[in-house]
C-alpha atoms as a PDB file:
ATOM      1  CA  MET A   1       0.045  -0.113  -0.331  1.00  0.00           C
ATOM      2  CA  GLN A   2       1.637   3.246  -0.983  1.00  0.00           C
ATOM      3  CA  SER A   3       0.915   6.152   1.160  1.00  0.00           C
ATOM      4  CA  ARG A   4      -0.625   9.436  -0.354  1.00  0.00           C
ATOM      5  CA  LEU A   5       1.960  12.053   1.510  1.00  0.00           C
ATOM      6  CA  ALA A   6       4.623  10.079  -0.817  1.00  0.00           C
ATOM      7  CA  ARG A   7       2.770   9.963  -4.101  1.00  0.00           C
ATOM      8  CA  LEU A   8       1.675  13.821  -3.395  1.00  0.00           C
ATOM      9  CA  THR A   9       5.588  14.208  -2.263  1.00  0.00           C
ATOM     10  CA  LEU A  10       6.944  12.778  -5.427  1.00  0.00           C
ATOM     11  CA  ARG A  11       4.645  15.183  -8.166  1.00  0.00           C
ATOM     12  CA  ASP A  12       5.070  18.138  -6.087  1.00  0.00           C
ATOM     13  CA  PRO A  13       8.451  19.776  -4.588  1.00  0.00           C
ATOM     14  CA  GLY A  14       6.427  21.702  -2.647  1.00  0.00           C
ATOM     15  CA  ALA A  15       5.394  18.475  -0.062  1.00  0.00           C
ATOM     16  CA  ILE A  16       8.759  17.974   0.354  1.00  0.00           C
ATOM     17  CA  VAL A  17       9.752  21.118   2.083  1.00  0.00           C
ATOM     18  CA  ALA A  18       6.815  21.447   4.332  1.00  0.00           C
ATOM     19  CA  LEU A  19       7.472  17.645   5.085  1.00  0.00           C
ATOM     20  CA  LEU A  20      11.118  19.103   6.856  1.00  0.00           C
ATOM     21  CA  LEU A  21       9.157  21.632   8.652  1.00  0.00           C
ATOM     22  CA  TRP A  22       6.086  19.572  10.004  1.00  0.00           C
ATOM     23  CA  GLY A  23       9.138  17.453  11.744  1.00  0.00           C
ATOM     24  CA  ALA A  24      11.285  19.763  12.567  1.00  0.00           C
ATOM     25  CA  VAL A  25       8.745  21.468  14.657  1.00  0.00           C
ATOM     26  CA  SER A  26       7.389  18.642  15.763  1.00  0.00           C
ATOM     27  CA  CYS A  27       9.931  16.891  17.819  1.00  0.00           C
ATOM     28  CA  VAL A  28       8.001  14.964  19.729  1.00  0.00           C
ATOM     29  CA  ALA A  29       5.791  13.688  17.554  1.00  0.00           C
ATOM     30  CA  HIS A  30       7.466  10.651  17.222  1.00  0.00           C
ATOM     31  CA  ALA A  31       4.396   9.474  18.666  1.00  0.00           C
ATOM     32  CA  GLN A  32       2.537   8.817  15.490  1.00  0.00           C
ATOM     33  CA  VAL A  33       5.127   5.942  14.670  1.00  0.00           C
ATOM     34  CA  ALA A  34       2.741   2.902  14.407  1.00  0.00           C
ATOM     35  CA  THR A  35       3.641   1.309  18.284  1.00  0.00           C
ATOM     36  CA  ARG A  36       3.004  -1.767  17.803  1.00  0.00           C
ATOM     37  CA  PRO A  37       4.855  -4.397  20.614  1.00  0.00           C
ATOM     38  CA  VAL A  38       5.843  -7.528  18.533  1.00  0.00           C
ATOM     39  CA  PRO A  39       8.584  -9.349  17.178  1.00  0.00           C
ATOM     40  CA  GLY A  40       9.635  -7.132  13.754  1.00  0.00           C
ATOM     41  CA  GLY A  41       7.119  -4.212  15.757  1.00  0.00           C
ATOM     42  CA  VAL A  42       8.208  -0.680  17.925  1.00  0.00           C
ATOM     43  CA  ILE A  43       7.480   0.540  20.842  1.00  0.00           C
ATOM     44  CA  SER A  44       7.646   4.131  22.178  1.00  0.00           C
ATOM     45  CA  LEU A  45       8.516   4.069  25.983  1.00  0.00           C
ATOM     46  CA  ASP A  46       7.623   7.433  28.186  1.00  0.00           C
ATOM     47  CA  LEU A  47      10.836   8.087  30.078  1.00  0.00           C
ATOM     48  CA  GLY A  48       9.592  11.563  31.502  1.00  0.00           C
ATOM     49  CA  SER A  49      10.558  14.991  31.540  1.00  0.00           C
ATOM     50  CA  GLY A  50      14.849  16.624  32.203  1.00  0.00           C
ATOM     51  CA  ALA A  51      17.091  19.354  31.899  1.00  0.00           C
ATOM     52  CA  GLN A  52      19.403  16.807  29.618  1.00  0.00           C
ATOM     53  CA  ARG A  53      18.250  14.191  27.427  1.00  0.00           C
ATOM     54  CA  PRO A  54      18.418  10.693  28.561  1.00  0.00           C
ATOM     55  CA  ARG A  55      20.576   7.827  27.226  1.00  0.00           C
ATOM     56  CA  VAL A  56      18.664   4.118  27.137  1.00  0.00           C
ATOM     57  CA  MET A  57      20.227   0.683  26.797  1.00  0.00           C
ATOM     58  CA  TYR A  58      18.015  -1.759  24.815  1.00  0.00           C
ATOM     59  CA  GLY A  59      20.276  -4.615  25.338  1.00  0.00           C
ATOM     60  CA  LYS A  60      23.894  -3.589  24.712  1.00  0.00           C
ATOM     61  CA  VAL A  61      22.778  -1.456  21.936  1.00  0.00           C
ATOM     62  CA  PRO A  62      21.876   1.952  22.311  1.00  0.00           C
ATOM     63  CA  ALA A  63      18.843   3.175  21.762  1.00  0.00           C
ATOM     64  CA  LEU A  64      16.741   6.131  19.688  1.00  0.00           C
ATOM     65  CA  VAL A  65      15.553   8.916  22.647  1.00  0.00           C
ATOM     66  CA  VAL A  66      13.212  11.766  21.263  1.00  0.00           C
ATOM     67  CA  GLY A  67      11.983  14.446  22.504  1.00  0.00           C
ATOM     68  CA  ASP A  68      12.539  17.963  25.178  1.00  0.00           C
ATOM     69  CA  SER A  69      12.544  18.400  29.112  1.00  0.00           C
ATOM     70  CA  SER A  70       9.190  18.459  28.936  1.00  0.00           C
ATOM     71  CA  GLY A  71       9.061  14.691  28.221  1.00  0.00           C
ATOM     72  CA  TRP A  72      11.452  12.319  26.525  1.00  0.00           C
ATOM     73  CA  ARG A  73      11.123   9.101  25.243  1.00  0.00           C
ATOM     74  CA  ALA A  74      12.525   5.809  23.452  1.00  0.00           C
ATOM     75  CA  VAL A  75      11.688   4.677  20.161  1.00  0.00           C
ATOM     76  CA  VAL A  76      13.066   1.149  20.382  1.00  0.00           C
ATOM     77  CA  GLY A  77      12.953  -1.640  17.477  1.00  0.00           C
ATOM     78  CA  LEU A  78      11.841  -4.946  18.086  1.00  0.00           C
ATOM     79  CA  ALA A  79      13.673  -7.911  15.684  1.00  0.00           C
ATOM     80  CA  LEU A  80      11.982 -10.728  14.688  1.00  0.00           C
ATOM     81  CA  SER A  81      13.452 -12.701  16.422  1.00  0.00           C
ATOM     82  CA  THR A  82      12.582 -11.200  19.859  1.00  0.00           C
ATOM     83  CA  GLN A  83      10.882 -13.750  21.921  1.00  0.00           C
ATOM     84  CA  PRO A  84       6.863 -12.645  23.218  1.00  0.00           C
ATOM     85  CA  GLY A  85       7.338 -11.956  26.935  1.00  0.00           C
ATOM     86  CA  PRO A  86       8.919  -9.451  29.189  1.00  0.00           C
ATOM     87  CA  ALA A  87      11.449  -7.299  27.909  1.00  0.00           C
ATOM     88  CA  SER A  88      13.234  -3.779  29.589  1.00  0.00           C
ATOM     89  CA  VAL A  89      15.586  -0.732  28.813  1.00  0.00           C
ATOM     90  CA  GLN A  90      18.080   0.581  30.693  1.00  0.00           C
ATOM     91  CA  VAL A  91      17.822   4.220  31.402  1.00  0.00           C
ATOM     92  CA  ILE A  92      20.180   6.506  32.568  1.00  0.00           C
ATOM     93  CA  ASP A  93      19.359   9.790  33.237  1.00  0.00           C
ATOM     94  CA  ALA A  94      21.672  12.486  33.103  1.00  0.00           C
ATOM     95  CA  PRO A  95      23.707  14.188  34.805  1.00  0.00           C
ATOM     96  CA  GLN A  96      23.693  12.352  37.712  1.00  0.00           C
ATOM     97  CA  SER A  97      23.742   8.922  35.563  1.00  0.00           C
ATOM     98  CA  LYS A  98      21.189   6.634  37.706  1.00  0.00           C
ATOM     99  CA  SER A  99      20.405   4.360  35.919  1.00  0.00           C
ATOM    100  CA  ARG A 100      16.470   2.847  36.249  1.00  0.00           C
ATOM    101  CA  ARG A 101      14.647   0.526  33.824  1.00  0.00           C
ATOM    102  CA  ILE A 102      10.946   0.304  32.293  1.00  0.00           C
ATOM    103  CA  THR A 103       9.800  -3.058  31.655  1.00  0.00           C
ATOM    104  CA  PHE A 104       7.259  -3.604  29.119  1.00  0.00           C
ATOM    105  CA  GLN A 105       5.486  -7.263  27.435  1.00  0.00           C
ATOM    106  CA  VAL A 106       6.392  -8.260  23.713  1.00  0.00           C
ATOM    107  CA  ARG A 107       3.154  -9.195  22.013  1.00  0.00           C
ATOM    108  CA  HIS A 108       2.676 -12.748  19.732  1.00  0.00           C
ATOM    109  CA  ALA A 109       2.184 -11.729  15.951  1.00  0.00           C
ATOM    110  CA  LYS A 110       1.833 -14.174  13.261  1.00  0.00           C
ATOM    111  CA  TYR A 111       3.296 -13.661   9.637  1.00  0.00           C
ATOM    112  CA  ALA A 112       2.866 -15.129   6.854  1.00  0.00           C
ATOM    113  CA  GLU A 113       4.135 -18.263   5.067  1.00  0.00           C
ATOM    114  CA  GLN A 114       5.205 -19.348   1.374  1.00  0.00           C
ATOM    115  CA  HIS A 115       6.063 -22.443   0.042  1.00  0.00           C
ATOM    116  CA  LEU A 116       7.423 -23.015  -2.928  1.00  0.00           C
ATOM    117  CA  LYS A 117       8.549 -26.139  -5.012  1.00  0.00           C
ATOM    118  CA  VAL A 118      11.709 -25.037  -6.934  1.00  0.00           C
ATOM    119  CA  ALA A 119      14.527 -26.309  -8.775  1.00  0.00           C
ATOM    120  CA  PRO A 120      17.188 -27.775  -6.150  1.00  0.00           C
ATOM    121  CA  GLY A 121      20.458 -25.305  -7.730  1.00  0.00           C
ATOM    122  CA  GLN A 122      17.734 -22.533  -6.673  1.00  0.00           C
ATOM    123  CA  VAL A 123      17.723 -23.317  -2.906  1.00  0.00           C
ATOM    124  CA  ASN A 124      21.724 -23.833  -1.614  1.00  0.00           C
ATOM    125  CA  LEU A 125      24.156 -21.715  -2.525  1.00  0.00           C
ATOM    126  CA  SER A 126      27.459 -23.336  -4.442  1.00  0.00           C
ATOM    127  CA  LYS A 127      30.188 -22.755  -2.076  1.00  0.00           C
ATOM    128  CA  GLN A 128      32.124 -19.617  -4.043  1.00  0.00           C
ATOM    129  CA  ASP A 129      28.825 -17.794  -3.371  1.00  0.00           C
ATOM    130  CA  LEU A 130      28.186 -19.050   0.167  1.00  0.00           C
ATOM    131  CA  ALA A 131      31.756 -17.524   1.168  1.00  0.00           C
ATOM    132  CA  ARG A 132      31.091 -14.415  -0.609  1.00  0.00           C
ATOM    133  CA  HIS A 133      27.082 -13.970   0.777  1.00  0.00           C
ATOM    134  CA  GLU A 134      29.149 -14.535   4.249  1.00  0.00           C
ATOM    135  CA  ARG A 135      32.007 -11.885   3.657  1.00  0.00           C
ATOM    136  CA  GLU A 136      29.097  -9.751   2.870  1.00  0.00           C
ATOM    137  CA  ARG A 137      26.921 -10.427   5.614  1.00  0.00           C
ATOM    138  CA  ASP A 138      29.609  -8.962   7.385  1.00  0.00           C
ATOM    139  CA  HIS A 139      30.310  -5.903   6.440  1.00  0.00           C
ATOM    140  CA  GLN A 140      25.938  -5.287   6.416  1.00  0.00           C
ATOM    141  CA  LEU A 141      25.924  -6.225  10.035  1.00  0.00           C
ATOM    142  CA  GLN A 142      29.137  -3.334  10.786  1.00  0.00           C
ATOM    143  CA  THR A 143      27.026  -1.641   8.376  1.00  0.00           C
ATOM    144  CA  ILE A 144      23.509  -1.568  10.436  1.00  0.00           C
ATOM    145  CA  ALA A 145      25.948  -1.319  13.706  1.00  0.00           C
ATOM    146  CA  THR A 146      26.140   2.525  12.457  1.00  0.00           C
ATOM    147  CA  PHE A 147      24.806   5.089  15.926  1.00  0.00           C
ATOM    148  CA  SER A 148      25.328   8.787  15.146  1.00  0.00           C
ATOM    149  CA  ASP A 149      24.377  11.203  17.098  1.00  0.00           C
ATOM    150  CA  THR A 150      22.070  13.439  14.770  1.00  0.00           C
ATOM    151  CA  VAL A 151      18.326  13.029  16.078  1.00  0.00           C
ATOM    152  CA  PRO A 152      15.432  12.756  13.113  1.00  0.00           C
ATOM    153  CA  GLN A 153      14.447  15.485  11.572  1.00  0.00           C
ATOM    154  CA  SER A 154      11.031  13.238  12.477  1.00  0.00           C
ATOM    155  CA  LEU A 155       9.883   9.577  12.218  1.00  0.00           C
ATOM    156  CA  GLN A 156       7.130   9.963   9.631  1.00  0.00           C
ATOM    157  CA  LEU A 157       9.400   8.366   6.156  1.00  0.00           C
ATOM    158  CA  LEU A 158       8.180   8.950   2.535  1.00  0.00           C
ATOM    159  CA  ALA A 159       7.887   5.442   0.208  1.00  0.00           C
ATOM    160  CA  PRO A 160      10.924   5.387  -1.606  1.00  0.00           C
ATOM    161  CA  VAL A 161       9.022   4.718  -4.890  1.00  0.00           C
ATOM    162  CA  ALA A 162       5.806   4.901  -5.800  1.00  0.00           C
ATOM    163  CA  GLY A 163       3.735   1.721  -6.723  1.00  0.00           C
ATOM    164  CA  PRO A 164       2.070  -1.152  -4.621  1.00  0.00           C
ATOM    165  CA  ARG A 165       3.600  -3.328  -2.201  1.00  0.00           C
ATOM    166  CA  SER A 166       4.574  -6.566  -3.415  1.00  0.00           C
ATOM    167  CA  SER A 167       5.746  -8.415  -0.728  1.00  0.00           C
ATOM    168  CA  SER A 168       4.973  -7.698   3.035  1.00  0.00           C
ATOM    169  CA  PHE A 169       7.330  -7.520   5.743  1.00  0.00           C
ATOM    170  CA  GLY A 170       7.910 -10.722   8.153  1.00  0.00           C
ATOM    171  CA  LEU A 171       6.912 -13.088   5.351  1.00  0.00           C
ATOM    172  CA  ARG A 172       8.423 -16.317   5.600  1.00  0.00           C
ATOM    173  CA  ARG A 173       8.825 -18.515   2.555  1.00  0.00           C
ATOM    174  CA  VAL A 174       9.702 -21.273   2.788  1.00  0.00           C
ATOM    175  CA  PHE A 175      11.511 -23.481  -0.397  1.00  0.00           C
ATOM    176  CA  ASN A 176      10.556 -27.745  -0.807  1.00  0.00           C
ATOM    177  CA  GLY A 177      10.221 -28.245   3.503  1.00  0.00           C
ATOM    178  CA  GLN A 178      12.966 -25.523   3.775  1.00  0.00           C
ATOM    179  CA  ALA A 179      11.972 -22.673   6.110  1.00  0.00           C
ATOM    180  CA  ARG A 180      13.965 -19.358   5.445  1.00  0.00           C
ATOM    181  CA  ASN A 181      14.636 -16.486   7.563  1.00  0.00           C
ATOM    182  CA  PRO A 182      11.766 -13.999   7.639  1.00  0.00           C
ATOM    183  CA  HIS A 183      11.538 -11.088   4.749  1.00  0.00           C
ATOM    184  CA  SER A 184      13.503  -8.288   6.694  1.00  0.00           C
ATOM    185  CA  GLY A 185      11.879  -5.898   4.447  1.00  0.00           C
ATOM    186  CA  MET A 186       8.576  -3.881   1.870  1.00  0.00           C
ATOM    187  CA  ASP A 187       8.429  -5.749  -1.561  1.00  0.00           C
ATOM    188  CA  ILE A 188       7.359  -2.283  -3.482  1.00  0.00           C
ATOM    189  CA  ALA A 189       6.547  -3.554  -7.028  1.00  0.00           C
ATOM    190  CA  ALA A 190       8.291  -0.637  -9.792  1.00  0.00           C
ATOM    191  CA  PRO A 191       9.474  -0.897 -13.836  1.00  0.00           C
ATOM    192  CA  VAL A 192      13.423  -0.595 -13.842  1.00  0.00           C
ATOM    193  CA  GLY A 193      14.572   2.924 -14.675  1.00  0.00           C
ATOM    194  CA  ALA A 194      11.700   4.210 -11.897  1.00  0.00           C
ATOM    195  CA  PRO A 195      13.130   6.940  -9.518  1.00  0.00           C
ATOM    196  CA  VAL A 196      14.321   5.810  -5.894  1.00  0.00           C
ATOM    197  CA  VAL A 197      13.855   8.842  -3.573  1.00  0.00           C
ATOM    198  CA  ALA A 198      15.285   9.521   0.349  1.00  0.00           C
ATOM    199  CA  PRO A 199      12.311   8.758   2.317  1.00  0.00           C
ATOM    200  CA  ALA A 200      13.763  11.555   5.507  1.00  0.00           C
ATOM    201  CA  PRO A 201      16.925  12.952   5.688  1.00  0.00           C
ATOM    202  CA  GLY A 202      20.094  10.864   6.235  1.00  0.00           C
ATOM    203  CA  GLN A 203      23.898  10.513   5.080  1.00  0.00           C
ATOM    204  CA  VAL A 204      24.878   7.574   2.869  1.00  0.00           C
ATOM    205  CA  ILE A 205      26.942   5.700   4.829  1.00  0.00           C
ATOM    206  CA  ASP A 206      26.911   2.472   2.398  1.00  0.00           C
ATOM    207  CA  VAL A 207      26.657   1.611  -1.776  1.00  0.00           C
ATOM    208  CA  GLY A 208      27.727  -1.631  -3.131  1.00  0.00           C
ATOM    209  CA  ASP A 209      26.978  -4.588  -4.751  1.00  0.00           C
ATOM    210  CA  TYR A 210      26.289  -7.539  -3.458  1.00  0.00           C
ATOM    211  CA  PHE A 211      25.366 -11.123  -4.440  1.00  0.00           C
ATOM    212  CA  PHE A 212      21.591 -11.442  -2.499  1.00  0.00           C
ATOM    213  CA  ASN A 213      20.567  -7.741  -2.699  1.00  0.00           C
ATOM    214  CA  GLY A 214      22.084  -6.398  -5.698  1.00  0.00           C
ATOM    215  CA  LYS A 215      23.336  -2.581  -6.125  1.00  0.00           C
ATOM    216  CA  THR A 216      22.078  -1.291  -2.696  1.00  0.00           C
ATOM    217  CA  VAL A 217      21.897   1.585  -0.839  1.00  0.00           C
ATOM    218  CA  TRP A 218      22.353   2.216   3.077  1.00  0.00           C
ATOM    219  CA  LEU A 219      21.214   5.331   4.716  1.00  0.00           C
ATOM    220  CA  ASP A 220      22.074   7.196   8.367  1.00  0.00           C
ATOM    221  CA  HIS A 221      19.186   9.223   9.866  1.00  0.00           C
ATOM    222  CA  GLY A 222      20.675   9.672  13.115  1.00  0.00           C
ATOM    223  CA  SER A 223      20.486   7.729  16.797  1.00  0.00           C
ATOM    224  CA  GLY A 224      20.270   4.087  15.231  1.00  0.00           C
ATOM    225  CA  LEU A 225      17.732   5.046  11.990  1.00  0.00           C
ATOM    226  CA  LEU A 226      19.216   3.011   8.668  1.00  0.00           C
ATOM    227  CA  THR A 227      16.971   2.608   5.680  1.00  0.00           C
ATOM    228  CA  MET A 228      17.910   0.343   2.864  1.00  0.00           C
ATOM    229  CA  VAL A 229      17.297   0.444  -0.420  1.00  0.00           C
ATOM    230  CA  CYS A 230      18.439  -2.643  -3.205  1.00  0.00           C
ATOM    231  CA  HIS A 231      18.057  -4.396  -6.040  1.00  0.00           C
ATOM    232  CA  LEU A 232      18.727  -0.533  -7.312  1.00  0.00           C
ATOM    233  CA  ASN A 233      19.364  -0.622 -11.774  1.00  0.00           C
ATOM    234  CA  ALA A 234      21.393   2.437 -10.777  1.00  0.00           C
ATOM    235  CA  VAL A 235      23.372   4.397  -7.733  1.00  0.00           C
ATOM    236  CA  HIS A 236      23.111   8.330  -8.703  1.00  0.00           C
ATOM    237  CA  VAL A 237      25.244   8.331  -4.417  1.00  0.00           C
ATOM    238  CA  LYS A 238      28.320   8.315  -3.174  1.00  0.00           C
ATOM    239  CA  VAL A 239      29.198   6.808   0.725  1.00  0.00           C
ATOM    240  CA  GLY A 240      29.325  10.549   2.723  1.00  0.00           C
ATOM    241  CA  ASP A 241      26.547  12.854   1.146  1.00  0.00           C
ATOM    242  CA  ARG A 242      23.858  13.768   2.680  1.00  0.00           C
ATOM    243  CA  LEU A 243      20.603  13.465   0.708  1.00  0.00           C
ATOM    244  CA  SER A 244      17.135  15.594   1.759  1.00  0.00           C
ATOM    245  CA  ALA A 245      13.647  14.191   2.282  1.00  0.00           C
ATOM    246  CA  GLY A 246      12.185  12.740  -1.314  1.00  0.00           C
ATOM    247  CA  THR A 247      16.334  13.425  -2.798  1.00  0.00           C
ATOM    248  CA  SER A 248      16.777  10.465  -5.959  1.00  0.00           C
ATOM    249  CA  LEU A 249      19.421   8.304  -4.915  1.00  0.00           C
ATOM    250  CA  GLY A 250      18.956   5.594  -7.452  1.00  0.00           C
ATOM    251  CA  GLU A 251      16.806   3.582  -9.703  1.00  0.00           C
ATOM    252  CA  VAL A 252      14.528   0.517  -9.541  1.00  0.00           C
ATOM    253  CA  GLY A 253      16.087  -3.169 -10.849  1.00  0.00           C
ATOM    254  CA  ALA A 254      16.415  -6.502 -10.832  1.00  0.00           C
ATOM    255  CA  THR A 255      20.043  -6.882  -9.327  1.00  0.00           C
ATOM    256  CA  GLY A 256      21.246  -9.597  -7.172  1.00  0.00           C
ATOM    257  CA  ARG A 257      19.130 -13.032  -6.614  1.00  0.00           C
ATOM    258  CA  VAL A 258      15.445 -11.901  -7.537  1.00  0.00           C
ATOM    259  CA  THR A 259      12.993 -12.961 -10.389  1.00  0.00           C
ATOM    260  CA  GLY A 260      12.446  -9.728 -11.454  1.00  0.00           C
ATOM    261  CA  PRO A 261      12.325  -5.815 -10.835  1.00  0.00           C
ATOM    262  CA  HIS A 262      10.971  -4.737  -7.726  1.00  0.00           C
ATOM    263  CA  LEU A 263      12.126  -2.332  -5.028  1.00  0.00           C
ATOM    264  CA  HIS A 264      13.357  -4.047  -1.767  1.00  0.00           C
ATOM    265  CA  TRP A 265      13.033  -1.649   1.610  1.00  0.00           C
ATOM    266  CA  SER A 266      14.338  -1.865   5.375  1.00  0.00           C
ATOM    267  CA  VAL A 267      14.548  -0.034   7.512  1.00  0.00           C
ATOM    268  CA  SER A 268      16.771  -0.714  11.283  1.00  0.00           C
ATOM    269  CA  LEU A 269      15.976   0.962  14.684  1.00  0.00           C
ATOM    270  CA  ASN A 270      18.879   0.093  17.310  1.00  0.00           C
ATOM    271  CA  GLN A 271      20.038  -3.237  14.864  1.00  0.00           C
ATOM    272  CA  ALA A 272      16.872  -4.510  14.606  1.00  0.00           C
ATOM    273  CA  MET A 273      14.969  -5.100  11.309  1.00  0.00           C
ATOM    274  CA  VAL A 274      11.376  -3.685  11.627  1.00  0.00           C
ATOM    275  CA  ASP A 275       8.168  -3.347   9.614  1.00  0.00           C
ATOM    276  CA  PRO A 276       8.854  -0.407   7.441  1.00  0.00           C
ATOM    277  CA  ALA A 277       5.016   0.254   7.261  1.00  0.00           C
ATOM    278  CA  LEU A 278       5.307   1.215  10.534  1.00  0.00           C
ATOM    279  CA  PHE A 279       6.586   4.715   9.840  1.00  0.00           C
ATOM    280  CA  LEU A 280       4.429   4.989   6.665  1.00  0.00           C
ATOM    281  CA  PRO A 281       1.527   7.901   7.538  1.00  0.00           C
ATOM    282  CA  ALA A 282      -1.259   6.049   6.635  1.00  0.00           C
ATOM    283  CA  GLU A 283       0.304   2.991   9.419  1.00  0.00           C
ATOM    284  CA  VAL A 284      -0.200   5.135  12.801  1.00  0.00           C
ATOM    285  CA  GLU A 285      -1.575   3.469  15.341  1.00  0.00           C
ATOM    286  CA  SER A 286      -1.910   4.891  19.006  1.00  0.00           C
ATOM    287  CA  PRO A 287       0.884   4.614  21.619  1.00  0.00           C
ATOM    288  CA  GLU A 288       0.806   1.956  24.130  1.00  0.00           C
ATOM    289  CA  PRO A 289      -0.087   2.424  27.695  1.00  0.00           C
ATOM    290  CA  ALA A 290       1.935   3.800  30.204  1.00  0.00           C
ATOM    291  CA  THR A 291       4.685   1.069  31.445  1.00  0.00           C
ATOM    292  CA  GLU A 292       5.466  -0.110  34.726  1.00  0.00           C
ATOM    293  CA  VAL A 293       9.239   1.375  36.036  1.00  0.00           C
ATOM    294  CA  GLN A 294      11.950  -0.291  38.192  1.00  0.00           C
ATOM    295  CA  ARG A 295      14.273   2.179  39.772  1.00  0.00           C
ATOM    296  CA  LYS A 296      17.861   0.309  40.242  1.00  0.00           C
END
């Protein structure tokens, strides 16, 4: 499903300016990001007020903190591998550096499965391809670990390309009875050459041509919020470029291990791949109720 905002922005450059102004004056409007505390989802946690921004750790990974002195919130991504049940973040309040823990519940979620029968050669990688994939996987993990001090101007994102959603986040494909990892992004159907734009202001932190993903661009939007687009036909940016929301960064293609042209779009928050649909305006839900606070 394509958001009306994305279509408007692609047609009207003035809409991009309006979106940026909206993001700049509504720092606390992060609550408009859909909060869905399930594996692959996002939870927004009330941290209270304070003169300085607190630090938040989810496990060993820093989490995004937004707001201002009147009220801070942690916006935490939950990996697809997260087990339903109790979970928590550690909050370090400045300047006293006092630590407290906020607990929350991760709910169960069921994603769709697709069972396919294909030729064995299309399922198992050769030794050469497997070795390449493992090298590239290590590089991608380093990219995903990026955490900059910048706070995102807005947590609502533009769809990076116009087109219908052809495959949703979390879909698990089973080839010849062998389950594969769940789909870690959203596929958007679009023809070769269709323009791909930056979903939010950010800096290009990786450009490459990878075995599975083909031509790929990673953007850092600040504080652990990253986006990635891949299977591109052409890339128009380089590492270090700073882009505004709606800036063209490449073109849709069919590079990498794909069966046809489309755009794969992933969103990573605190090193967890989460559902991009939660960051589109049409997907907004109400924030979660207050959570239990434990101090230590």
